[in-house]
Every structure is written in structure tokens, then in C-alpha cells.
Amino acid sequence: MLIARLLAETATLAEKLDAARAELDARGWPVAMAEPVASGEDAIEILLPEGDAGEVRAILGRHFAPCDLLVATREIAIPQVFVSDMDSTMIGQECIDELADFAGIKPQIAAITERAMQGELDFKAALRERVALLEGLDEAAIGQCLSERVRPMAGAKTLVATLKSLGCKTVLVTGGFHAFADPVAEELGFDRVVANRLAVAEGKLTGGLDGAITDSAIKAQVLVEECAALGEGAVSLAMGDGANDVPMLRAATFGIAYHAKPKAREAADGWIERGDLTAVLELLGVPKQDWVRG
């Protein structure tokens, strides 16, 4: 059994659903039911007795684009653990790119960031290369960057606060830096932070890192460890946008790619490409009257 939930343009919903049904029928995967989710909100739920989850996602994605979508092979439930990337997911910026602007080298570093997020470069090597370029930058630039550049994504506070109110542990795990992630996590209400540390000496960045690097493997490991602490069968939700989020998205019960790069989108159980972060709550079936507004 496959369960698909989606949010799309309501004016053409019926027409697009008919076209999607026809293609699914042709593949031998008839739709058993299509109706609003039980919460009575804007998402519709489609049940298929059989089908390949990846191909069903692709078919629905083509017919309903742009849409917010989740295709699951089990009942969709409120997660007990939520692990999320930070840059371009919970906040609208890539912090290292914005910090580089204070050093006058944003285009150079942003180009490396983009290739790393697309999965074209080794993440650890790309991170070290970018951090090395920041050598000599005044540490005060971090605080200035935070106050002037870094802003939460729309719906971020509501998503985190609502999940926490429903008993979910929230973890911010990023290939970025504690200097940014800690204040972002505090503002958004995350319970735990896992990130990298910029090395500083005499008030300036040294161009190096302190400690081990938080990469894609560590992100997935954090999710697995958090679930293990809750016991067998713990339900998890992971969210990210780049190639370094792929193992985490695959390890989660429900992996959602947020306005993501192709590799992250392909690896996920669904995606947000139309709405803001509160679309995740709608796909989970949380009634709007239960949302905790941030």
C-alpha cells in the first residue's frame, strides 16, 4: 500500500488528478481512494494498493507541479524525532557564503558551495577549501552576519514549535558552524545542535576547523542515534536541500527535500516546492488549529 499526500493548485486539482489517475492506471497501479486528509485541511490523500514509490512520486510530481508531496509505504504519522539541515532549509541563507561577503570573496566561495550542494565535490574537501579562504577575517564579522543577513525560512518557527508540542524531539544538524547554528537553534526552538566549529585565534579566523567535520555520514548517524534512544519503531522525519543531506533523508521514516537540489529531491520520500515550511505540517495531517504559531 502506498499513501500519497499532496498540496497543489486547487483550481486545476480535479483535472490534474484525472490525468494522474489515467497514467497510474496504465502502469497497473489504480488509485483506490482520493480525498482530503483526515485533518480536513488542504492536502489530499491518494491511496494505491500497489506501485513503486519512486515512480509514483515522479508521476504525481509531473502532473501536479508545482506541488508539495509525500509518498509513504506506511501510515503517515507524527514523527518522534525531527532532524533538519540548516542552511537553505531552516534559514534562507548559506552562512559561509554570506560570511565570505565580509571578506570580499562571496562569488568565489558561493561557487564552491553550489557545487558541493549539487554533489559535484567532496563535502569535507570543499568545506576545508572554503574555510581556508576565510583566514584572517575578524571574528566580529560572524555576529554582524547573523544580525544583518541570517533570517529563518517562512514557517520555520511554527514547524518546530508545533512538532515539539506534539512530543517530537528536534535536532538541527548542519555542515555549517556552531557560531551560526547555536543562535539559530535557540531562536527556532531546536532541542539539540550538531555542527562544525570555526577555529579562532586572537579574534580572527585561522582558516581551519576545530574538531571533526559534520558531513553527510554524521547527519545520518545523528538521526539513527536519536531513533535508537527512543527504541525500536521510532518514527523520524528528516529535511534538507543538498547532496550532503541524502543519507539522512534515506535513513528517516519520512525524508522531505525542501526546495532542494536534484540529488536530495531524488533521495527523499517527498518534497516542498510550492509552499513554506508549514506545508510539512499539512502533509503530516496536523490540523491548523493545533499549530503553534512562531
Protein backbone atom coordinates (compact mmCIF):
# COMPACT_ATOMS: atom_id res chain seq x y z
CA MET A 1 0.00 0.00 0.00
CA LEU A 2 1.22 3.48 -0.90
CA ILE A 3 -0.10 6.64 0.72
CA ALA A 4 0.47 9.90 -1.14
CA ARG A 5 -0.38 13.31 0.22
CA LEU A 6 -0.05 16.48 -1.80
CA LEU A 7 -0.77 20.18 -1.86
CA ALA A 8 -1.29 21.77 -5.27
CA GLU A 9 -3.21 24.45 -7.12
CA THR A 10 -6.86 23.86 -6.18
CA ALA A 11 -8.34 25.39 -9.35
CA THR A 12 -6.93 22.60 -11.54
CA LEU A 13 -6.80 19.83 -8.93
CA ALA A 14 -9.61 17.68 -10.34
CA GLU A 15 -8.30 17.88 -13.89
CA LYS A 16 -4.76 17.00 -12.83
CA LEU A 17 -5.98 14.16 -10.63
CA ASP A 18 -7.84 12.63 -13.59
CA ALA A 19 -4.70 12.80 -15.72
CA ALA A 20 -2.56 11.29 -12.94
CA ARG A 21 -5.11 8.50 -12.39
CA ALA A 22 -5.00 7.65 -16.09
CA GLU A 23 -1.22 7.31 -16.10
CA LEU A 24 -1.21 5.29 -12.88
CA ASP A 25 -3.93 3.00 -14.27
CA ALA A 26 -1.87 2.47 -17.39
CA ARG A 27 1.00 1.31 -15.19
CA GLY A 28 -1.28 -1.15 -13.40
CA TRP A 29 -1.43 0.94 -10.23
CA PRO A 30 -5.08 2.00 -9.88
CA VAL A 31 -5.99 4.64 -7.30
CA ALA A 32 -8.17 3.14 -4.56
CA MET A 33 -9.10 6.44 -2.96
CA ALA A 34 -8.51 10.18 -3.33
CA GLU A 35 -9.93 12.53 -0.69
CA PRO A 36 -8.94 15.30 1.72
CA VAL A 37 -6.69 14.22 4.58
CA ALA A 38 -8.40 13.28 7.82
CA SER A 39 -7.46 16.61 9.44
CA GLY A 40 -9.78 18.34 7.00
CA GLU A 41 -7.04 20.68 5.78
CA ASP A 42 -5.84 21.48 2.28
CA ALA A 43 -3.86 18.33 1.47
CA ILE A 44 -5.43 15.48 -0.45
CA GLU A 45 -4.61 11.85 0.21
CA ILE A 46 -4.30 9.23 -2.51
CA LEU A 47 -4.20 5.51 -1.71
CA LEU A 48 -2.74 2.95 -4.09
CA PRO A 49 -2.86 -0.77 -3.23
CA GLU A 50 0.42 -1.23 -5.09
CA GLY A 51 3.07 0.64 -7.01
CA ASP A 52 6.69 1.74 -6.95
CA ALA A 53 7.04 4.69 -4.56
CA GLY A 54 9.71 6.46 -6.61
CA GLU A 55 7.80 6.20 -9.86
CA VAL A 56 4.52 7.21 -8.23
CA ARG A 57 6.27 10.31 -6.84
CA ALA A 58 7.57 11.12 -10.32
CA ILE A 59 4.13 10.71 -11.91
CA LEU A 60 2.37 12.84 -9.31
CA GLY A 61 5.17 15.40 -9.43
CA ARG A 62 4.79 15.81 -13.19
CA HIS A 63 1.02 16.15 -13.14
CA PHE A 64 0.66 18.42 -10.12
CA ALA A 65 3.79 20.59 -10.41
CA PRO A 66 4.44 22.74 -8.55
CA CYS A 67 3.29 20.78 -5.53
CA ASP A 68 4.21 19.73 -2.01
CA LEU A 69 4.24 15.95 -1.86
CA LEU A 70 4.89 12.98 0.42
CA VAL A 71 4.65 9.36 -0.72
CA ALA A 72 4.94 6.76 2.04
CA THR A 73 4.87 2.98 2.21
CA ARG A 74 3.33 3.09 5.70
CA GLU A 75 0.79 5.12 7.60
CA ILE A 76 1.85 8.75 7.83
CA ALA A 77 2.32 9.64 11.49
CA ILE A 78 3.66 12.48 13.62
CA PRO A 79 7.42 11.97 13.99
CA GLN A 80 9.06 11.38 17.33
CA VAL A 81 12.35 12.78 16.02
CA PHE A 82 12.84 15.65 13.58
CA VAL A 83 16.35 16.18 12.19
CA SER A 84 16.85 19.11 9.84
CA ASP A 85 19.59 20.78 7.86
CA MET A 86 20.02 24.49 8.50
CA ASP A 87 21.32 26.48 5.51
CA SER A 88 18.72 26.98 2.75
CA THR A 89 16.34 24.80 4.76
CA MET A 90 15.58 26.29 8.18
CA ILE A 91 17.18 29.61 7.19
CA GLY A 92 17.19 31.28 3.81
CA GLN A 93 20.94 31.71 3.51
CA GLU A 94 24.16 29.73 3.12
CA CYS A 95 26.03 31.15 6.08
CA ILE A 96 29.54 30.57 4.76
CA ASP A 97 28.64 32.41 1.56
CA GLU A 98 27.30 35.38 3.49
CA LEU A 99 30.32 35.40 5.79
CA ALA A 100 32.57 35.34 2.74
CA ASP A 101 30.93 38.56 1.58
CA PHE A 102 32.53 40.33 4.56
CA ALA A 103 35.90 39.10 3.27
CA GLY A 104 35.06 40.27 -0.27
CA ILE A 105 35.15 36.76 -1.74
CA LYS A 106 31.49 35.70 -1.81
CA PRO A 107 31.35 34.75 -5.52
CA GLN A 108 34.41 32.54 -5.18
CA ILE A 109 33.11 30.70 -2.11
CA ALA A 110 29.48 30.57 -3.29
CA ALA A 111 30.56 28.77 -6.45
CA ILE A 112 32.23 26.05 -4.36
CA THR A 113 29.18 25.82 -2.08
CA GLU A 114 26.84 25.33 -5.01
CA ARG A 115 28.96 22.54 -6.47
CA ALA A 116 29.20 20.84 -3.08
CA MET A 117 25.43 21.01 -2.57
CA GLN A 118 24.89 19.57 -6.05
CA GLY A 119 27.12 16.66 -5.06
CA GLU A 120 29.84 17.55 -7.56
CA LEU A 121 32.57 17.94 -4.92
CA ASP A 122 33.64 16.01 -1.84
CA PHE A 123 31.94 17.81 1.04
CA LYS A 124 34.85 17.67 3.50
CA ALA A 125 37.39 18.88 0.96
CA ALA A 126 35.08 21.64 -0.23
CA LEU A 127 34.43 22.78 3.34
CA ARG A 128 38.12 22.93 4.19
CA GLU A 129 38.83 24.83 0.97
CA ARG A 130 36.17 27.45 1.71
CA VAL A 131 37.13 27.86 5.36
CA ALA A 132 40.79 28.31 4.40
CA LEU A 133 39.78 31.25 2.23
CA LEU A 134 38.37 32.99 5.31
CA GLU A 135 41.72 33.09 7.10
CA GLY A 136 42.29 36.43 8.79
CA LEU A 137 38.63 37.52 8.82
CA ASP A 138 37.70 39.31 12.02
CA GLU A 139 35.58 37.09 14.33
CA ALA A 140 33.20 40.03 14.80
CA ALA A 141 32.02 39.51 11.23
CA ILE A 142 30.11 36.43 12.43
CA GLY A 143 27.90 38.47 14.75
CA GLN A 144 27.38 41.13 12.10
CA CYS A 145 26.49 38.48 9.54
CA LEU A 146 23.98 36.91 11.91
CA SER A 147 22.24 40.18 12.68
CA GLU A 148 22.24 41.58 9.14
CA ARG A 149 21.92 38.54 6.85
CA VAL A 150 20.58 35.40 8.53
CA ARG A 151 16.80 35.02 8.60
CA PRO A 152 14.56 32.00 9.32
CA MET A 153 12.62 30.45 6.47
CA ALA A 154 8.91 31.26 6.47
CA GLY A 155 7.12 28.82 8.73
CA ALA A 156 10.27 27.57 10.47
CA LYS A 157 9.28 28.62 13.97
CA THR A 158 5.76 27.25 13.57
CA LEU A 159 7.03 23.92 12.27
CA VAL A 160 9.50 23.40 15.12
CA ALA A 161 7.16 24.66 17.86
CA THR A 162 4.27 22.52 16.61
CA LEU A 163 6.32 19.34 16.35
CA LYS A 164 7.69 19.91 19.86
CA SER A 165 4.16 20.43 21.20
CA LEU A 166 3.30 17.01 19.76
CA GLY A 167 6.15 15.34 21.65
CA CYS A 168 8.79 15.37 18.91
CA LYS A 169 12.49 15.91 19.67
CA THR A 170 14.02 18.44 17.29
CA VAL A 171 17.65 18.39 16.15
CA LEU A 172 19.42 20.91 13.93
CA VAL A 173 22.33 19.19 12.16
CA THR A 174 24.42 21.16 9.72
CA GLY A 175 27.63 21.13 7.78
CA GLY A 176 27.79 24.78 8.77
CA PHE A 177 29.09 26.24 12.00
CA HIS A 178 28.08 26.37 15.65
CA ALA A 179 28.68 30.12 15.59
CA PHE A 180 25.58 30.39 13.40
CA ALA A 181 23.69 27.21 14.26
CA ASP A 182 23.56 27.77 18.03
CA PRO A 183 21.76 31.14 17.86
CA VAL A 184 19.53 29.91 15.01
CA ALA A 185 18.57 26.83 17.04
CA GLU A 186 17.81 28.98 20.08
CA GLU A 187 15.63 31.31 18.02
CA LEU A 188 13.72 28.47 16.37
CA GLY A 189 13.49 26.27 19.45
CA PHE A 190 15.57 23.22 18.48
CA ASP A 191 16.48 20.85 21.30
CA ARG A 192 19.95 19.90 20.05
CA VAL A 193 22.57 21.22 17.62
CA VAL A 194 25.25 19.30 15.71
CA ALA A 195 27.63 21.42 13.63
CA ASN A 196 31.25 22.32 12.83
CA ARG A 197 33.44 24.78 14.72
CA LEU A 198 35.47 27.55 13.13
CA ALA A 199 38.94 27.88 14.61
CA VAL A 200 39.67 31.34 16.02
CA ALA A 201 42.89 32.85 17.37
CA GLU A 202 43.40 36.40 18.63
CA GLY A 203 39.96 37.44 17.41
CA LYS A 204 40.44 36.25 13.83
CA LEU A 205 39.51 33.14 11.87
CA THR A 206 42.54 30.92 11.35
CA GLY A 207 41.25 29.30 8.18
CA GLY A 208 40.82 25.98 9.94
CA LEU A 209 38.27 23.97 11.89
CA ASP A 210 38.25 22.72 15.47
CA GLY A 211 37.26 19.08 15.82
CA ALA A 212 35.76 16.51 13.46
CA ILE A 213 33.70 17.57 10.46
CA THR A 214 29.93 17.15 10.44
CA ASP A 215 29.29 15.69 7.00
CA SER A 216 26.58 13.56 5.37
CA ALA A 217 27.56 10.45 7.32
CA ILE A 218 27.38 12.27 10.64
CA LYS A 219 23.97 13.71 9.75
CA ALA A 220 22.58 10.22 9.13
CA GLN A 221 24.32 8.90 12.25
CA VAL A 222 22.68 11.56 14.41
CA LEU A 223 19.25 10.57 13.13
CA VAL A 224 19.90 6.87 13.72
CA GLU A 225 21.21 7.52 17.24
CA GLU A 226 18.23 9.69 18.17
CA CYS A 227 15.82 7.00 16.97
CA ALA A 228 17.73 4.27 18.80
CA ALA A 229 17.40 6.22 22.05
CA LEU A 230 13.62 6.07 21.66
CA GLY A 231 13.52 2.36 20.92
CA GLU A 232 12.56 0.16 18.03
CA GLY A 233 9.97 1.57 15.65
CA ALA A 234 10.62 5.25 16.40
CA VAL A 235 9.17 7.47 13.66
CA SER A 236 11.58 10.04 12.23
CA LEU A 237 11.37 12.99 9.87
CA ALA A 238 14.43 14.41 8.11
CA MET A 239 14.61 17.51 5.95
CA GLY A 240 17.33 19.06 3.82
CA ASP A 241 18.12 20.55 0.44
CA GLY A 242 21.55 19.38 -0.69
CA ALA A 243 23.52 16.30 -1.68
CA ASN A 244 25.08 16.06 1.79
CA ASP A 245 21.58 15.51 3.20
CA VAL A 246 20.93 12.40 1.07
CA PRO A 247 21.96 9.70 3.62
CA MET A 248 19.90 11.40 6.32
CA LEU A 249 16.85 11.67 4.06
CA ARG A 250 17.14 8.00 3.15
CA ALA A 251 17.60 6.91 6.78
CA ALA A 252 14.46 8.66 8.01
CA THR A 253 10.97 7.19 8.14
CA PHE A 254 9.92 10.23 6.13
CA GLY A 255 12.53 12.25 4.22
CA ILE A 256 11.43 15.59 2.77
CA ALA A 257 13.50 17.69 0.37
CA TYR A 258 12.92 21.42 0.83
CA HIS A 259 13.20 23.50 -2.39
CA ALA A 260 16.05 21.13 -3.00
CA LYS A 261 18.85 20.23 -5.36
CA PRO A 262 18.09 17.27 -7.68
CA LYS A 263 20.03 14.64 -5.71
CA ALA A 264 18.27 15.47 -2.46
CA ARG A 265 14.88 15.51 -4.15
CA GLU A 266 15.50 12.15 -5.79
CA ALA A 267 16.52 10.56 -2.49
CA ALA A 268 13.58 11.87 -0.48
CA ASP A 269 10.09 10.47 0.10
CA GLY A 270 8.66 13.80 -0.89
CA TRP A 271 9.37 17.47 -1.31
CA ILE A 272 8.25 21.01 -0.66
CA GLU A 273 8.49 23.09 -3.82
CA ARG A 274 5.36 25.25 -3.59
CA GLY A 275 4.78 26.33 -0.01
CA ASP A 276 6.74 27.28 3.07
CA LEU A 277 7.78 25.03 5.96
CA THR A 278 4.25 24.81 7.36
CA ALA A 279 3.43 22.66 4.33
CA VAL A 280 5.20 19.86 6.21
CA LEU A 281 2.54 20.07 8.93
CA GLU A 282 -0.21 19.85 6.34
CA LEU A 283 1.37 16.78 4.76
CA LEU A 284 1.60 15.20 8.21
CA GLY A 285 -2.09 15.89 8.73
CA VAL A 286 -1.75 18.30 11.67
CA PRO A 287 -4.92 20.45 11.85
CA LYS A 288 -4.22 24.17 11.65
CA GLN A 289 -5.92 24.77 14.99
CA ASP A 290 -3.15 22.67 16.54
CA TRP A 291 -0.31 24.67 15.03
CA VAL A 292 1.84 26.61 17.48
CA ARG A 293 2.48 29.88 15.72
CA GLY A 294 6.08 31.06 15.90
